C-alpha atoms as a PDB file:
ATOM      1  CA  MET A   1       3.488  -5.053  25.127  1.00  0.00           C
ATOM      2  CA  LEU A   2       6.778  -5.895  23.751  1.00  0.00           C
ATOM      3  CA  ILE A   3       7.032  -6.999  20.166  1.00  0.00           C
ATOM      4  CA  ALA A   4      10.123  -8.573  18.719  1.00  0.00           C
ATOM      5  CA  GLN A   5      10.694  -8.386  14.743  1.00  0.00           C
ATOM      6  CA  ILE A   6      12.179 -11.016  12.626  1.00  0.00           C
ATOM      7  CA  ASP A   7      13.419 -10.014   9.389  1.00  0.00           C
ATOM      8  CA  GLU A   8      16.589 -11.862   8.938  1.00  0.00           C
ATOM      9  CA  PRO A   9      17.453 -15.451   8.495  1.00  0.00           C
ATOM     10  CA  ALA A  10      19.263 -15.626  11.825  1.00  0.00           C
ATOM     11  CA  GLY A  11      15.979 -14.584  13.262  1.00  0.00           C
ATOM     12  CA  ILE A  12      14.393 -17.027  11.540  1.00  0.00           C
ATOM     13  CA  ALA A  13      16.927 -19.684  13.104  1.00  0.00           C
ATOM     14  CA  ALA A  14      16.338 -18.161  16.590  1.00  0.00           C
ATOM     15  CA  ALA A  15      12.466 -18.084  16.447  1.00  0.00           C
ATOM     16  CA  PRO A  16      11.805 -20.725  18.740  1.00  0.00           C
ATOM     17  CA  GLU A  17      14.100 -19.095  21.468  1.00  0.00           C
ATOM     18  CA  ILE A  18      12.589 -15.326  20.751  1.00  0.00           C
ATOM     19  CA  ILE A  19       8.976 -16.724  20.903  1.00  0.00           C
ATOM     20  CA  ALA A  20       9.674 -18.785  24.171  1.00  0.00           C
ATOM     21  CA  THR A  21      11.635 -15.372  25.750  1.00  0.00           C
ATOM     22  CA  LYS A  22       9.756 -14.316  28.792  1.00  0.00           C
ATOM     23  CA  GLY A  23       8.031 -10.810  28.353  1.00  0.00           C
ATOM     24  CA  VAL A  24       7.710 -10.935  24.439  1.00  0.00           C
ATOM     25  CA  ASP A  25       4.023 -10.513  23.471  1.00  0.00           C
ATOM     26  CA  GLY A  26       4.492 -10.827  19.963  1.00  0.00           C
ATOM     27  CA  VAL A  27       6.708 -11.206  16.722  1.00  0.00           C
ATOM     28  CA  PHE A  28       6.538  -8.901  13.831  1.00  0.00           C
ATOM     29  CA  LEU A  29       7.356 -10.533  10.607  1.00  0.00           C
ATOM     30  CA  GLY A  30       9.613  -8.358   8.300  1.00  0.00           C
ATOM     31  CA  ARG A  31       8.706  -9.778   5.317  1.00  0.00           C
ATOM     32  CA  ILE A  32      10.629  -7.217   2.763  1.00  0.00           C
ATOM     33  CA  GLY A  33      13.713  -7.396   4.860  1.00  0.00           C
ATOM     34  CA  LEU A  34      13.710 -11.155   4.958  1.00  0.00           C
ATOM     35  CA  THR A  35      13.009 -11.495   1.341  1.00  0.00           C
ATOM     36  CA  LEU A  36      16.075  -9.201   0.557  1.00  0.00           C
ATOM     37  CA  ALA A  37      18.096 -11.103   3.153  1.00  0.00           C
ATOM     38  CA  MET A  38      17.033 -14.479   1.439  1.00  0.00           C
ATOM     39  CA  GLU A  39      17.690 -13.061  -1.701  1.00  0.00           C
ATOM     40  CA  ALA A  40      14.310 -14.283  -3.025  1.00  0.00           C
ATOM     41  CA  ASP A  41      12.920 -13.541  -6.461  1.00  0.00           C
ATOM     42  CA  ASN A  42      10.012 -11.508  -4.729  1.00  0.00           C
ATOM     43  CA  LYS A  43       8.041 -10.648  -1.565  1.00  0.00           C
ATOM     44  CA  SER A  44       5.616 -13.713  -2.338  1.00  0.00           C
ATOM     45  CA  SER A  45       8.403 -15.933  -2.707  1.00  0.00           C
ATOM     46  CA  GLU A  46       7.432 -19.568  -1.522  1.00  0.00           C
ATOM     47  CA  VAL A  47      10.334 -20.032   0.608  1.00  0.00           C
ATOM     48  CA  VAL A  48       9.876 -16.713   2.450  1.00  0.00           C
ATOM     49  CA  ASP A  49       5.955 -17.688   2.976  1.00  0.00           C
ATOM     50  CA  ALA A  50       7.276 -20.853   4.158  1.00  0.00           C
ATOM     51  CA  ALA A  51       9.681 -19.618   6.765  1.00  0.00           C
ATOM     52  CA  LEU A  52       6.728 -16.877   7.919  1.00  0.00           C
ATOM     53  CA  GLU A  53       4.247 -19.536   8.278  1.00  0.00           C
ATOM     54  CA  ASN A  54       6.299 -21.654  10.358  1.00  0.00           C
ATOM     55  CA  ILE A  55       6.785 -18.656  12.723  1.00  0.00           C
ATOM     56  CA  CYS A  56       3.143 -18.245  12.513  1.00  0.00           C
ATOM     57  CA  ARG A  57       2.644 -21.729  13.882  1.00  0.00           C
ATOM     58  CA  LEU A  58       5.223 -21.185  16.497  1.00  0.00           C
ATOM     59  CA  CYS A  59       3.474 -17.916  17.562  1.00  0.00           C
ATOM     60  CA  ILE A  60       0.157 -19.672  18.012  1.00  0.00           C
ATOM     61  CA  ALA A  61       1.534 -22.168  19.895  1.00  0.00           C
ATOM     62  CA  GLY A  62       3.274 -19.941  22.260  1.00  0.00           C
ATOM     63  CA  ASN A  63      -0.114 -17.582  22.550  1.00  0.00           C
ATOM     64  CA  LEU A  64       1.906 -14.676  20.855  1.00  0.00           C
ATOM     65  CA  SER A  65       0.530 -11.988  18.612  1.00  0.00           C
ATOM     66  CA  VAL A  66       2.029 -12.074  15.107  1.00  0.00           C
ATOM     67  CA  GLY A  67       2.297  -8.938  12.833  1.00  0.00           C
ATOM     68  CA  LEU A  68       2.897  -8.609   8.874  1.00  0.00           C
ATOM     69  CA  SER A  69       3.315  -5.304   6.732  1.00  0.00           C
ATOM     70  CA  LEU A  70       0.626  -6.483   4.058  1.00  0.00           C
ATOM     71  CA  PRO A  71      -0.564  -3.795   1.657  1.00  0.00           C
ATOM     72  CA  ASP A  72      -2.367  -6.110  -0.546  1.00  0.00           C
ATOM     73  CA  VAL A  73      -5.817  -6.604   1.179  1.00  0.00           C
ATOM     74  CA  ARG A  74      -6.347  -9.577  -1.106  1.00  0.00           C
ATOM     75  CA  ALA A  75      -4.059 -11.658   1.199  1.00  0.00           C
ATOM     76  CA  ALA A  76      -5.370 -10.508   4.499  1.00  0.00           C
ATOM     77  CA  ALA A  77      -7.670 -13.367   5.125  1.00  0.00           C
ATOM     78  CA  SER A  78      -5.150 -16.190   4.202  1.00  0.00           C
ATOM     79  CA  TRP A  79      -2.360 -14.316   6.418  1.00  0.00           C
ATOM     80  CA  HIS A  80      -5.132 -14.047   9.070  1.00  0.00           C
ATOM     81  CA  ALA A  81      -6.054 -17.643   9.026  1.00  0.00           C
ATOM     82  CA  LYS A  82      -2.322 -18.567   9.411  1.00  0.00           C
ATOM     83  CA  GLY A  83      -2.321 -16.381  12.562  1.00  0.00           C
ATOM     84  CA  VAL A  84      -1.583 -12.798  11.803  1.00  0.00           C
ATOM     85  CA  ASN A  85      -3.559 -10.505  13.949  1.00  0.00           C
ATOM     86  CA  LEU A  86      -1.800  -7.409  13.485  1.00  0.00           C
ATOM     87  CA  PHE A  87      -1.496  -5.771   9.934  1.00  0.00           C
ATOM     88  CA  ILE A  88       0.368  -2.828   8.738  1.00  0.00           C
ATOM     89  CA  VAL A  89      -1.645  -1.767   5.770  1.00  0.00           C
ATOM     90  CA  ASP A  90       0.709   0.546   4.124  1.00  0.00           C
ATOM     91  CA  SER A  91       3.292   3.273   4.694  1.00  0.00           C
ATOM     92  CA  ASP A  92       1.993   6.924   5.626  1.00  0.00           C
ATOM     93  CA  TYR A  93       3.385   8.242   2.288  1.00  0.00           C
ATOM     94  CA  ALA A  94       1.336   5.490   0.352  1.00  0.00           C
ATOM     95  CA  ILE A  95      -1.830   6.313   2.458  1.00  0.00           C
ATOM     96  CA  LEU A  96      -1.439   9.920   2.270  1.00  0.00           C
ATOM     97  CA  ARG A  97      -0.811   9.791  -1.680  1.00  0.00           C
ATOM     98  CA  ALA A  98      -3.716   7.588  -2.217  1.00  0.00           C
ATOM     99  CA  GLY A  99      -5.922  10.162  -0.289  1.00  0.00           C
ATOM    100  CA  ILE A 100      -4.601  12.896  -2.168  1.00  0.00           C
ATOM    101  CA  GLU A 101      -5.310  11.368  -5.627  1.00  0.00           C
ATOM    102  CA  THR A 102      -8.921  10.204  -4.718  1.00  0.00           C
ATOM    103  CA  ARG A 103      -9.447  13.983  -3.405  1.00  0.00           C
ATOM    104  CA  MET A 104      -8.246  15.352  -6.982  1.00  0.00           C
ATOM    105  CA  SER A 105     -10.203  12.800  -8.896  1.00  0.00           C
ATOM    106  CA  ASP A 106     -13.332  13.866  -6.736  1.00  0.00           C
ATOM    107  CA  PHE A 107     -12.402  17.532  -7.637  1.00  0.00           C
ATOM    108  CA  ARG A 108     -12.150  16.783 -11.460  1.00  0.00           C
ATOM    109  CA  ALA A 109     -15.216  14.771 -11.464  1.00  0.00           C
ATOM    110  CA  ALA A 110     -17.249  17.475  -9.592  1.00  0.00           C
ATOM    111  CA  LEU A 111     -16.350  20.155 -12.327  1.00  0.00           C
ATOM    112  CA  PRO A 112     -17.492  20.480 -15.834  1.00  0.00           C
ATOM    113  CA  ILE A 113     -15.018  19.803 -18.336  1.00  0.00           C
ATOM    114  CA  ASP A 114     -15.695  22.632 -20.653  1.00  0.00           C
ATOM    115  CA  ALA A 115     -16.223  25.211 -17.796  1.00  0.00           C
ATOM    116  CA  LYS A 116     -14.403  28.531 -17.854  1.00  0.00           C
ATOM    117  CA  PRO A 117     -14.076  30.842 -14.770  1.00  0.00           C
ATOM    118  CA  GLN A 118     -16.670  33.280 -14.275  1.00  0.00           C
ATOM    119  CA  CYS A 119     -14.559  36.242 -12.746  1.00  0.00           C
END
């Protein structure tokens, strides 16, 4: 599977050609890179979202998969409805950190607050 990444304004402009390229199976939308390149205020910028939504429509028309990094689960259904079918849910660092914090919290909750070692 060959997935092209679009994360620059030049990629947005070339999206129709990228999507029509023989052998391309999907497009990964580099939302953070695009936000920075477009000098948008934040990653939920309307200008950035409009550009990404347009690429989603082009990919659907070309029968290509669409990927997006989206750590905010609350936005997943909306982007899925727009055609995104490949999600990167977070970085490995963020996933490991969340797991460690949960595990530490579980252990703290399992131990009595005023318990003293019996050794």
